[in-house]
Amino acid sequence: MIVIRYTGFESLLDKAKSRGRAKVAVAAAADKEVLEAIKLAEMEDLVTPVLIGDVNVIQQISLEIGLNLERTELIHVPDPIDAAHRAVDAVVDGQAHFLMKGLINSSDFLKAVLRSERGLRTGRLLSHLAAFQIPGFSRLLFVTDGGMNIAPDLGQKKEILENSLLFLKDIGMDPVNVIALAANEVVNPKMPTTVDAKALMEMNQKGEFPNAIVEGPLALDGAVSAVALKHKGIPSQINGDVDLFLVSTIEVGNVLGKALVYFAGATMAGIVLGAQVPIVLTSRNDTPRSKLMAITLAALGQKALHS
């Protein structure tokens, strides 16, 4: 079986660029860090920006950082909450393909996304998907959900996994090797994570995740190392060749992600799934490259939806 994988962010970027520019609606765009990310994406011919916010401030920041606004649509909506709703309008009306959060509180931004009328609800749970390029690792590694859902139950874990699998299939990864992470491989009722992991594996065996191989519970060493599996005597189809980690809680995903970035020198890009379009929610601590790659993920995902 041939599994399509991305060796790094450059391969994602090349594929996204090959499909032409995507339109991104940026809510409350008068933010230097966000506009620097937009500058990088625009220079790569990846996006055509629709910048919504205080146009005077946007123009001033753009001048400071050298962002060329020649191909940019500017929409003057100074209030951040109003700007978020206008950005959602742009997607609903077909003026933009995906969303990016600017200088606005995340909860206010997501309220606009999930509004009952002319919003971007799908009925699915919103969840976070992160991609990591790790020095010495042969491919991108994906992790869900280290950014949205605090302590998901089994039903929510299934939805989180479905969101990620749908997205990864859309960008060409099929099948996807999934490990439901736990502290060890023994199913123990006192460790609900292990019980949920086994249940997800059984769902997979029944065909509920058709574009995936799901195994668990597995600890991190067995998830990435065939040698560790052999030492432990654990049979595995994935055999250390993991693509996607499903984590049990937001703390596990957060700590795993930050450990990869700060201890292993990884670059991370994250997006929110479950709405009608991918959503870019970057942090001020993210590097410019990380922000560019988050935009790339979202652009590639929406292009797959519309191709």
C-alpha atoms as a PDB file:
ATOM      1  CA  MET A   1       0.000   0.000   0.000  1.00  0.00           C
ATOM      2  CA  ILE A   2       1.396   3.407  -1.030  1.00  0.00           C
ATOM      3  CA  VAL A   3       0.916   6.174   1.533  1.00  0.00           C
ATOM      4  CA  ILE A   4       1.231   9.733   0.263  1.00  0.00           C
ATOM      5  CA  ARG A   5       3.164  11.877   2.723  1.00  0.00           C
ATOM      6  CA  TYR A   6       4.698  15.322   2.864  1.00  0.00           C
ATOM      7  CA  THR A   7       8.424  15.348   3.574  1.00  0.00           C
ATOM      8  CA  GLY A   8       8.253  18.885   4.961  1.00  0.00           C
ATOM      9  CA  PHE A   9       6.524  22.224   4.774  1.00  0.00           C
ATOM     10  CA  GLU A  10       8.197  23.057   1.467  1.00  0.00           C
ATOM     11  CA  SER A  11       6.365  20.172  -0.192  1.00  0.00           C
ATOM     12  CA  LEU A  12       3.081  21.492   1.223  1.00  0.00           C
ATOM     13  CA  LEU A  13       3.893  24.974  -0.021  1.00  0.00           C
ATOM     14  CA  ASP A  14       4.809  23.745  -3.499  1.00  0.00           C
ATOM     15  CA  LYS A  15       1.549  21.832  -3.825  1.00  0.00           C
ATOM     16  CA  ALA A  16      -0.529  24.756  -2.562  1.00  0.00           C
ATOM     17  CA  LYS A  17       1.194  27.197  -4.938  1.00  0.00           C
ATOM     18  CA  SER A  18       0.629  24.854  -7.876  1.00  0.00           C
ATOM     19  CA  ARG A  19      -3.119  25.314  -7.427  1.00  0.00           C
ATOM     20  CA  GLY A  20      -3.025  29.100  -7.718  1.00  0.00           C
ATOM     21  CA  ARG A  21      -3.741  31.872  -5.246  1.00  0.00           C
ATOM     22  CA  ALA A  22      -6.400  31.478  -2.570  1.00  0.00           C
ATOM     23  CA  LYS A  23      -8.304  34.386  -1.067  1.00  0.00           C
ATOM     24  CA  VAL A  24      -7.932  34.750   2.687  1.00  0.00           C
ATOM     25  CA  ALA A  25     -10.195  37.016   4.741  1.00  0.00           C
ATOM     26  CA  VAL A  26      -8.281  38.406   7.709  1.00  0.00           C
ATOM     27  CA  ALA A  27     -10.461  39.653  10.559  1.00  0.00           C
ATOM     28  CA  ALA A  28      -9.126  42.676  12.492  1.00  0.00           C
ATOM     29  CA  ALA A  29      -6.072  42.720  10.255  1.00  0.00           C
ATOM     30  CA  ALA A  30      -4.388  45.803  11.787  1.00  0.00           C
ATOM     31  CA  ASP A  31      -1.717  43.683  13.477  1.00  0.00           C
ATOM     32  CA  LYS A  32       1.982  43.729  12.597  1.00  0.00           C
ATOM     33  CA  GLU A  33       2.660  40.029  13.182  1.00  0.00           C
ATOM     34  CA  VAL A  34      -0.356  38.949  11.156  1.00  0.00           C
ATOM     35  CA  LEU A  35       0.478  41.299   8.303  1.00  0.00           C
ATOM     36  CA  GLU A  36       4.065  40.029   8.263  1.00  0.00           C
ATOM     37  CA  ALA A  37       2.668  36.517   7.742  1.00  0.00           C
ATOM     38  CA  ILE A  38       0.393  37.806   4.990  1.00  0.00           C
ATOM     39  CA  LYS A  39       3.408  39.475   3.379  1.00  0.00           C
ATOM     40  CA  LEU A  40       5.281  36.165   3.253  1.00  0.00           C
ATOM     41  CA  ALA A  41       2.265  34.341   1.807  1.00  0.00           C
ATOM     42  CA  GLU A  42       1.629  37.068  -0.755  1.00  0.00           C
ATOM     43  CA  MET A  43       5.292  37.051  -1.834  1.00  0.00           C
ATOM     44  CA  GLU A  44       5.029  33.284  -2.399  1.00  0.00           C
ATOM     45  CA  ASP A  45       2.002  33.866  -4.697  1.00  0.00           C
ATOM     46  CA  LEU A  46       0.040  31.736  -2.249  1.00  0.00           C
ATOM     47  CA  VAL A  47      -2.783  34.114  -1.307  1.00  0.00           C
ATOM     48  CA  THR A  48      -4.692  37.196  -2.338  1.00  0.00           C
ATOM     49  CA  PRO A  49      -5.535  38.967   0.926  1.00  0.00           C
ATOM     50  CA  VAL A  50      -8.838  40.510   1.918  1.00  0.00           C
ATOM     51  CA  LEU A  51      -7.832  42.653   4.896  1.00  0.00           C
ATOM     52  CA  ILE A  52     -10.706  43.734   7.127  1.00  0.00           C
ATOM     53  CA  GLY A  53     -10.139  46.220   9.928  1.00  0.00           C
ATOM     54  CA  ASP A  54      -8.933  49.781  10.453  1.00  0.00           C
ATOM     55  CA  VAL A  55      -7.645  50.539   6.962  1.00  0.00           C
ATOM     56  CA  ASN A  56      -5.585  53.523   8.092  1.00  0.00           C
ATOM     57  CA  VAL A  57      -3.644  51.388  10.562  1.00  0.00           C
ATOM     58  CA  ILE A  58      -3.357  48.508   8.070  1.00  0.00           C
ATOM     59  CA  GLN A  59      -1.845  50.852   5.494  1.00  0.00           C
ATOM     60  CA  GLN A  60       0.552  52.338   8.036  1.00  0.00           C
ATOM     61  CA  ILE A  61       1.798  48.920   9.201  1.00  0.00           C
ATOM     62  CA  SER A  62       2.040  47.680   5.604  1.00  0.00           C
ATOM     63  CA  LEU A  63       4.263  50.631   4.748  1.00  0.00           C
ATOM     64  CA  GLU A  64       6.500  49.878   7.746  1.00  0.00           C
ATOM     65  CA  ILE A  65       6.986  46.211   6.881  1.00  0.00           C
ATOM     66  CA  GLY A  66       7.016  46.540   3.098  1.00  0.00           C
ATOM     67  CA  LEU A  67       3.749  44.748   2.382  1.00  0.00           C
ATOM     68  CA  ASN A  68       2.617  45.547  -1.153  1.00  0.00           C
ATOM     69  CA  LEU A  69      -1.134  46.179  -1.104  1.00  0.00           C
ATOM     70  CA  GLU A  70      -1.507  46.338  -4.881  1.00  0.00           C
ATOM     71  CA  ARG A  71      -3.365  43.021  -5.090  1.00  0.00           C
ATOM     72  CA  THR A  72      -5.045  43.383  -1.700  1.00  0.00           C
ATOM     73  CA  GLU A  73      -8.677  44.207  -1.008  1.00  0.00           C
ATOM     74  CA  LEU A  74      -9.085  46.544   1.969  1.00  0.00           C
ATOM     75  CA  ILE A  75     -12.381  46.752   3.866  1.00  0.00           C
ATOM     76  CA  HIS A  76     -12.662  49.442   6.524  1.00  0.00           C
ATOM     77  CA  VAL A  77     -14.298  47.993   9.650  1.00  0.00           C
ATOM     78  CA  PRO A  78     -12.498  49.482  12.683  1.00  0.00           C
ATOM     79  CA  ASP A  79     -14.321  47.514  15.387  1.00  0.00           C
ATOM     80  CA  PRO A  80     -12.693  44.062  15.793  1.00  0.00           C
ATOM     81  CA  ILE A  81     -15.941  42.184  16.471  1.00  0.00           C
ATOM     82  CA  ASP A  82     -17.638  43.798  13.480  1.00  0.00           C
ATOM     83  CA  ALA A  83     -14.545  42.952  11.428  1.00  0.00           C
ATOM     84  CA  ALA A  84     -14.854  39.285  12.404  1.00  0.00           C
ATOM     85  CA  HIS A  85     -18.457  39.196  11.218  1.00  0.00           C
ATOM     86  CA  ARG A  86     -17.484  40.957   7.987  1.00  0.00           C
ATOM     87  CA  ALA A  87     -14.748  38.363   7.418  1.00  0.00           C
ATOM     88  CA  VAL A  88     -17.267  35.550   7.853  1.00  0.00           C
ATOM     89  CA  ASP A  89     -19.564  37.381   5.418  1.00  0.00           C
ATOM     90  CA  ALA A  90     -16.723  37.411   2.902  1.00  0.00           C
ATOM     91  CA  VAL A  91     -16.441  33.625   3.053  1.00  0.00           C
ATOM     92  CA  VAL A  92     -20.196  33.025   3.014  1.00  0.00           C
ATOM     93  CA  ASP A  93     -20.581  35.338   0.011  1.00  0.00           C
ATOM     94  CA  GLY A  94     -17.710  33.732  -1.900  1.00  0.00           C
ATOM     95  CA  GLN A  95     -15.354  36.710  -1.613  1.00  0.00           C
ATOM     96  CA  ALA A  96     -12.768  34.615   0.258  1.00  0.00           C
ATOM     97  CA  HIS A  97     -11.865  30.953   0.560  1.00  0.00           C
ATOM     98  CA  PHE A  98     -10.735  30.748   4.176  1.00  0.00           C
ATOM     99  CA  LEU A  99     -10.350  32.779   7.383  1.00  0.00           C
ATOM    100  CA  MET A 100      -7.505  34.110   9.490  1.00  0.00           C
ATOM    101  CA  LYS A 101      -7.746  35.731  12.916  1.00  0.00           C
ATOM    102  CA  GLY A 102      -6.080  39.081  13.439  1.00  0.00           C
ATOM    103  CA  LEU A 103      -6.047  41.372  16.470  1.00  0.00           C
ATOM    104  CA  ILE A 104      -9.205  40.084  18.141  1.00  0.00           C
ATOM    105  CA  ASN A 105     -10.002  37.825  21.058  1.00  0.00           C
ATOM    106  CA  SER A 106     -10.297  34.212  19.908  1.00  0.00           C
ATOM    107  CA  SER A 107     -13.677  33.662  21.565  1.00  0.00           C
ATOM    108  CA  ASP A 108     -15.149  36.748  19.863  1.00  0.00           C
ATOM    109  CA  PHE A 109     -13.731  35.607  16.546  1.00  0.00           C
ATOM    110  CA  LEU A 110     -15.158  32.098  16.897  1.00  0.00           C
ATOM    111  CA  LYS A 111     -18.561  33.463  17.914  1.00  0.00           C
ATOM    112  CA  ALA A 112     -18.722  35.104  14.501  1.00  0.00           C
ATOM    113  CA  VAL A 113     -17.660  31.867  12.818  1.00  0.00           C
ATOM    114  CA  LEU A 114     -20.359  29.892  14.651  1.00  0.00           C
ATOM    115  CA  ARG A 115     -23.206  32.415  14.459  1.00  0.00           C
ATOM    116  CA  SER A 116     -26.562  30.822  13.768  1.00  0.00           C
ATOM    117  CA  GLU A 117     -27.388  32.839  10.652  1.00  0.00           C
ATOM    118  CA  ARG A 118     -24.948  32.953   7.724  1.00  0.00           C
ATOM    119  CA  GLY A 119     -22.239  31.389   9.821  1.00  0.00           C
ATOM    120  CA  LEU A 120     -19.806  28.613   8.988  1.00  0.00           C
ATOM    121  CA  ARG A 121     -21.218  25.816  11.136  1.00  0.00           C
ATOM    122  CA  THR A 122     -21.176  22.272   9.782  1.00  0.00           C
ATOM    123  CA  GLY A 123     -22.555  20.432  12.802  1.00  0.00           C
ATOM    124  CA  ARG A 124     -19.068  19.077  13.503  1.00  0.00           C
ATOM    125  CA  LEU A 125     -16.977  19.838  16.560  1.00  0.00           C
ATOM    126  CA  LEU A 126     -14.288  22.476  16.072  1.00  0.00           C
ATOM    127  CA  SER A 127     -10.839  21.003  16.655  1.00  0.00           C
ATOM    128  CA  HIS A 128      -7.193  21.924  16.248  1.00  0.00           C
ATOM    129  CA  LEU A 129      -4.745  20.181  13.939  1.00  0.00           C
ATOM    130  CA  ALA A 130      -1.026  20.908  14.202  1.00  0.00           C
ATOM    131  CA  ALA A 131       1.690  19.921  11.748  1.00  0.00           C
ATOM    132  CA  PHE A 132       5.334  19.641  12.836  1.00  0.00           C
ATOM    133  CA  GLN A 133       8.477  19.617  10.769  1.00  0.00           C
ATOM    134  CA  ILE A 134      11.029  17.963  13.043  1.00  0.00           C
ATOM    135  CA  PRO A 135      14.769  17.938  12.279  1.00  0.00           C
ATOM    136  CA  GLY A 136      15.826  14.379  11.486  1.00  0.00           C
ATOM    137  CA  PHE A 137      12.245  13.146  10.998  1.00  0.00           C
ATOM    138  CA  SER A 138      11.487  12.076   7.439  1.00  0.00           C
ATOM    139  CA  ARG A 139       7.991  13.565   7.147  1.00  0.00           C
ATOM    140  CA  LEU A 140       5.516  15.966   8.660  1.00  0.00           C
ATOM    141  CA  LEU A 141       3.984  14.765  11.912  1.00  0.00           C
ATOM    142  CA  PHE A 142       0.420  15.806  12.762  1.00  0.00           C
ATOM    143  CA  VAL A 143      -1.116  16.155  16.235  1.00  0.00           C
ATOM    144  CA  THR A 144      -4.748  16.633  17.281  1.00  0.00           C
ATOM    145  CA  ASP A 145      -6.184  18.169  19.464  1.00  0.00           C
ATOM    146  CA  GLY A 146      -3.763  20.311  21.426  1.00  0.00           C
ATOM    147  CA  GLY A 147      -5.541  23.617  20.997  1.00  0.00           C
ATOM    148  CA  MET A 148      -9.334  23.541  21.243  1.00  0.00           C
ATOM    149  CA  ASN A 149     -10.967  20.739  23.232  1.00  0.00           C
ATOM    150  CA  ILE A 150      -9.861  20.445  26.858  1.00  0.00           C
ATOM    151  CA  ALA A 151     -10.797  16.890  27.872  1.00  0.00           C
ATOM    152  CA  PRO A 152     -12.794  15.257  25.079  1.00  0.00           C
ATOM    153  CA  ASP A 153     -14.878  12.159  25.739  1.00  0.00           C
ATOM    154  CA  LEU A 154     -14.915   9.191  23.381  1.00  0.00           C
ATOM    155  CA  GLY A 155     -17.564  10.659  21.105  1.00  0.00           C
ATOM    156  CA  GLN A 156     -15.667  13.933  20.847  1.00  0.00           C
ATOM    157  CA  LYS A 157     -12.392  12.109  20.187  1.00  0.00           C
ATOM    158  CA  LYS A 158     -14.095  10.359  17.297  1.00  0.00           C
ATOM    159  CA  GLU A 159     -15.217  13.718  15.878  1.00  0.00           C
ATOM    160  CA  ILE A 160     -11.747  15.213  16.371  1.00  0.00           C
ATOM    161  CA  LEU A 161     -10.208  12.279  14.536  1.00  0.00           C
ATOM    162  CA  GLU A 162     -12.781  12.493  11.741  1.00  0.00           C
ATOM    163  CA  ASN A 163     -12.012  16.204  11.258  1.00  0.00           C
ATOM    164  CA  SER A 164      -8.310  15.520  10.865  1.00  0.00           C
ATOM    165  CA  LEU A 165      -8.770  12.513   8.604  1.00  0.00           C
ATOM    166  CA  LEU A 166     -11.121  14.432   6.334  1.00  0.00           C
ATOM    167  CA  PHE A 167      -8.614  17.277   6.046  1.00  0.00           C
ATOM    168  CA  LEU A 168      -5.603  15.012   5.497  1.00  0.00           C
ATOM    169  CA  LYS A 169      -7.474  13.061   2.836  1.00  0.00           C
ATOM    170  CA  ASP A 170      -8.387  16.337   1.133  1.00  0.00           C
ATOM    171  CA  ILE A 171      -4.706  17.301   0.897  1.00  0.00           C
ATOM    172  CA  GLY A 172      -3.781  13.907  -0.542  1.00  0.00           C
ATOM    173  CA  MET A 173      -2.879  11.729   2.449  1.00  0.00           C
ATOM    174  CA  ASP A 174      -4.761   8.449   2.182  1.00  0.00           C
ATOM    175  CA  PRO A 175      -4.517   6.230   4.177  1.00  0.00           C
ATOM    176  CA  VAL A 176      -3.322   7.922   7.378  1.00  0.00           C
ATOM    177  CA  ASN A 177      -1.490   6.049  10.141  1.00  0.00           C
ATOM    178  CA  VAL A 178      -3.018   7.131  13.468  1.00  0.00           C
ATOM    179  CA  ILE A 179      -1.834   6.408  16.991  1.00  0.00           C
ATOM    180  CA  ALA A 180      -4.106   7.100  19.960  1.00  0.00           C
ATOM    181  CA  LEU A 181      -1.461   8.080  22.508  1.00  0.00           C
ATOM    182  CA  ALA A 182      -1.489   6.864  26.100  1.00  0.00           C
ATOM    183  CA  ALA A 183       0.996   6.355  28.929  1.00  0.00           C
ATOM    184  CA  ASN A 184       1.226   2.630  28.189  1.00  0.00           C
ATOM    185  CA  GLU A 185      -0.278  -0.135  26.089  1.00  0.00           C
ATOM    186  CA  VAL A 186      -2.304  -1.935  28.757  1.00  0.00           C
ATOM    187  CA  VAL A 187      -6.033  -1.204  28.718  1.00  0.00           C
ATOM    188  CA  ASN A 188      -6.891  -0.177  32.251  1.00  0.00           C
ATOM    189  CA  PRO A 189     -10.311   1.101  33.436  1.00  0.00           C
ATOM    190  CA  LYS A 190      -8.457   3.368  35.859  1.00  0.00           C
ATOM    191  CA  MET A 191      -6.871   5.066  32.840  1.00  0.00           C
ATOM    192  CA  PRO A 192      -9.842   6.112  30.656  1.00  0.00           C
ATOM    193  CA  THR A 193      -7.461   7.197  27.890  1.00  0.00           C
ATOM    194  CA  THR A 194      -6.500   3.560  27.303  1.00  0.00           C
ATOM    195  CA  VAL A 195     -10.135   2.471  27.189  1.00  0.00           C
ATOM    196  CA  ASP A 196     -10.993   5.183  24.650  1.00  0.00           C
ATOM    197  CA  ALA A 197      -7.964   4.320  22.535  1.00  0.00           C
ATOM    198  CA  LYS A 198      -8.994   0.682  22.336  1.00  0.00           C
ATOM    199  CA  ALA A 199     -12.549   1.713  21.428  1.00  0.00           C
ATOM    200  CA  LEU A 200     -11.275   3.923  18.594  1.00  0.00           C
ATOM    201  CA  MET A 201      -9.136   1.077  17.282  1.00  0.00           C
ATOM    202  CA  GLU A 202     -12.171  -1.195  17.329  1.00  0.00           C
ATOM    203  CA  MET A 203     -14.203   1.440  15.458  1.00  0.00           C
ATOM    204  CA  ASN A 204     -11.471   1.451  12.836  1.00  0.00           C
ATOM    205  CA  GLN A 205     -11.590  -2.327  12.548  1.00  0.00           C
ATOM    206  CA  LYS A 206     -15.338  -1.995  11.867  1.00  0.00           C
ATOM    207  CA  GLY A 207     -14.649   0.417   9.016  1.00  0.00           C
ATOM    208  CA  GLU A 208     -15.647   3.676  10.711  1.00  0.00           C
ATOM    209  CA  PHE A 209     -12.435   5.441   9.633  1.00  0.00           C
ATOM    210  CA  PRO A 210     -12.070   4.179   6.046  1.00  0.00           C
ATOM    211  CA  ASN A 211      -8.993   6.238   5.127  1.00  0.00           C
ATOM    212  CA  ALA A 212      -6.971   5.343   8.216  1.00  0.00           C
ATOM    213  CA  ILE A 213      -5.211   2.701  10.242  1.00  0.00           C
ATOM    214  CA  VAL A 214      -5.892   3.467  13.912  1.00  0.00           C
ATOM    215  CA  GLU A 215      -3.932   1.794  16.702  1.00  0.00           C
ATOM    216  CA  GLY A 216      -3.858   2.292  20.436  1.00  0.00           C
ATOM    217  CA  PRO A 217      -3.343   2.600  23.212  1.00  0.00           C
ATOM    218  CA  LEU A 218       0.349   3.130  22.519  1.00  0.00           C
ATOM    219  CA  ALA A 219       2.984   5.097  24.402  1.00  0.00           C
ATOM    220  CA  LEU A 220       5.130   7.563  22.489  1.00  0.00           C
ATOM    221  CA  ASP A 221       8.119   5.242  22.082  1.00  0.00           C
ATOM    222  CA  GLY A 222       6.065   2.489  20.468  1.00  0.00           C
ATOM    223  CA  ALA A 223       4.273   5.022  18.309  1.00  0.00           C
ATOM    224  CA  VAL A 224       7.461   6.166  16.576  1.00  0.00           C
ATOM    225  CA  SER A 225       9.874   3.244  16.952  1.00  0.00           C
ATOM    226  CA  ALA A 226       9.628  -0.215  15.437  1.00  0.00           C
ATOM    227  CA  VAL A 227      12.549  -1.197  17.683  1.00  0.00           C
ATOM    228  CA  ALA A 228      10.604  -0.225  20.803  1.00  0.00           C
ATOM    229  CA  LEU A 229       7.612  -2.227  19.615  1.00  0.00           C
ATOM    230  CA  LYS A 230       9.807  -5.258  19.055  1.00  0.00           C
ATOM    231  CA  HIS A 231      11.307  -4.991  22.546  1.00  0.00           C
ATOM    232  CA  LYS A 232       7.824  -4.751  24.043  1.00  0.00           C
ATOM    233  CA  GLY A 233       6.503  -7.592  21.900  1.00  0.00           C
ATOM    234  CA  ILE A 234       3.646  -5.481  20.514  1.00  0.00           C
ATOM    235  CA  PRO A 235       2.349  -6.333  17.027  1.00  0.00           C
ATOM    236  CA  SER A 236       1.533  -3.318  14.848  1.00  0.00           C
ATOM    237  CA  GLN A 237       0.523  -2.565  11.281  1.00  0.00           C
ATOM    238  CA  ILE A 238       1.882   0.952  11.642  1.00  0.00           C
ATOM    239  CA  ASN A 239       5.133  -0.306  13.177  1.00  0.00           C
ATOM    240  CA  GLY A 240       6.432   3.133  14.160  1.00  0.00           C
ATOM    241  CA  ASP A 241       5.432   4.786  10.891  1.00  0.00           C
ATOM    242  CA  VAL A 242       2.929   7.208  12.433  1.00  0.00           C
ATOM    243  CA  ASP A 243       1.386  10.197  10.632  1.00  0.00           C
ATOM    244  CA  LEU A 244      -1.099  11.507  13.194  1.00  0.00           C
ATOM    245  CA  PHE A 245      -1.179  11.481  16.978  1.00  0.00           C
ATOM    246  CA  LEU A 246      -4.587  11.652  18.633  1.00  0.00           C
ATOM    247  CA  VAL A 247      -3.954  12.996  22.144  1.00  0.00           C
ATOM    248  CA  SER A 248      -6.183  12.490  25.145  1.00  0.00           C
ATOM    249  CA  THR A 249      -6.336  16.054  26.488  1.00  0.00           C
ATOM    250  CA  ILE A 250      -5.344  19.564  25.530  1.00  0.00           C
ATOM    251  CA  GLU A 251      -2.484  19.430  28.060  1.00  0.00           C
ATOM    252  CA  VAL A 252      -0.936  16.386  26.379  1.00  0.00           C
ATOM    253  CA  GLY A 253      -1.127  17.989  22.953  1.00  0.00           C
ATOM    254  CA  ASN A 254       0.136  21.336  24.222  1.00  0.00           C
ATOM    255  CA  VAL A 255       3.114  19.856  26.063  1.00  0.00           C
ATOM    256  CA  LEU A 256       3.976  17.490  23.217  1.00  0.00           C
ATOM    257  CA  GLY A 257       3.854  20.325  20.691  1.00  0.00           C
ATOM    258  CA  LYS A 258       5.931  22.737  22.752  1.00  0.00           C
ATOM    259  CA  ALA A 259       8.446  20.005  23.579  1.00  0.00           C
ATOM    260  CA  LEU A 260       8.891  19.345  19.861  1.00  0.00           C
ATOM    261  CA  VAL A 261       9.383  23.066  19.179  1.00  0.00           C
ATOM    262  CA  TYR A 262      11.632  23.985  22.118  1.00  0.00           C
ATOM    263  CA  PHE A 263      13.586  20.764  22.673  1.00  0.00           C
ATOM    264  CA  ALA A 264      13.655  19.240  19.178  1.00  0.00           C
ATOM    265  CA  GLY A 265      13.795  22.430  17.102  1.00  0.00           C
ATOM    266  CA  ALA A 266      10.558  21.681  15.254  1.00  0.00           C
ATOM    267  CA  THR A 267       8.529  24.194  13.274  1.00  0.00           C
ATOM    268  CA  MET A 268       4.814  24.063  13.968  1.00  0.00           C
ATOM    269  CA  ALA A 269       1.784  25.169  11.973  1.00  0.00           C
ATOM    270  CA  GLY A 270      -1.755  24.883  13.304  1.00  0.00           C
ATOM    271  CA  ILE A 271      -5.258  25.372  11.956  1.00  0.00           C
ATOM    272  CA  VAL A 272      -8.809  24.913  13.219  1.00  0.00           C
ATOM    273  CA  LEU A 273     -11.040  22.351  11.518  1.00  0.00           C
ATOM    274  CA  GLY A 274     -14.746  21.569  11.704  1.00  0.00           C
ATOM    275  CA  ALA A 275     -16.113  24.741  10.112  1.00  0.00           C
ATOM    276  CA  GLN A 276     -16.977  25.042   6.427  1.00  0.00           C
ATOM    277  CA  VAL A 277     -13.457  26.305   5.721  1.00  0.00           C
ATOM    278  CA  PRO A 278     -10.095  25.963   7.477  1.00  0.00           C
ATOM    279  CA  ILE A 279      -9.330  28.702  10.009  1.00  0.00           C
ATOM    280  CA  VAL A 280      -5.891  30.135  10.789  1.00  0.00           C
ATOM    281  CA  LEU A 281      -5.413  31.028  14.472  1.00  0.00           C
ATOM    282  CA  THR A 282      -1.760  31.916  14.963  1.00  0.00           C
ATOM    283  CA  SER A 283      -0.046  32.881  18.211  1.00  0.00           C
ATOM    284  CA  ARG A 284       2.156  35.912  18.712  1.00  0.00           C
ATOM    285  CA  ASN A 285       4.901  33.488  19.735  1.00  0.00           C
ATOM    286  CA  ASP A 286       4.774  31.752  16.357  1.00  0.00           C
ATOM    287  CA  THR A 287       7.682  32.475  14.032  1.00  0.00           C
ATOM    288  CA  PRO A 288       7.002  34.083  10.638  1.00  0.00           C
ATOM    289  CA  ARG A 289       7.690  30.716   9.005  1.00  0.00           C
ATOM    290  CA  SER A 290       5.223  29.011  11.336  1.00  0.00           C
ATOM    291  CA  LYS A 291       2.547  31.555  10.447  1.00  0.00           C
ATOM    292  CA  LEU A 292       3.274  31.127   6.735  1.00  0.00           C
ATOM    293  CA  MET A 293       2.923  27.376   7.028  1.00  0.00           C
ATOM    294  CA  ALA A 294      -0.377  27.669   8.881  1.00  0.00           C
ATOM    295  CA  ILE A 295      -1.656  29.801   6.010  1.00  0.00           C
ATOM    296  CA  THR A 296      -0.284  27.207   3.594  1.00  0.00           C
ATOM    297  CA  LEU A 297      -2.135  24.376   5.345  1.00  0.00           C
ATOM    298  CA  ALA A 298      -5.409  26.293   5.236  1.00  0.00           C
ATOM    299  CA  ALA A 299      -4.918  27.374   1.634  1.00  0.00           C
ATOM    300  CA  LEU A 300      -4.144  23.839   0.505  1.00  0.00           C
ATOM    301  CA  GLY A 301      -7.098  22.428   2.421  1.00  0.00           C
ATOM    302  CA  GLN A 302      -9.617  24.856   0.954  1.00  0.00           C
ATOM    303  CA  LYS A 303      -8.218  24.385  -2.558  1.00  0.00           C
ATOM    304  CA  ALA A 304      -8.711  20.645  -2.205  1.00  0.00           C
ATOM    305  CA  LEU A 305     -12.329  21.278  -1.203  1.00  0.00           C
ATOM    306  CA  HIS A 306     -12.955  23.422  -4.271  1.00  0.00           C
ATOM    307  CA  SER A 307     -10.869  21.516  -6.840  1.00  0.00           C
END
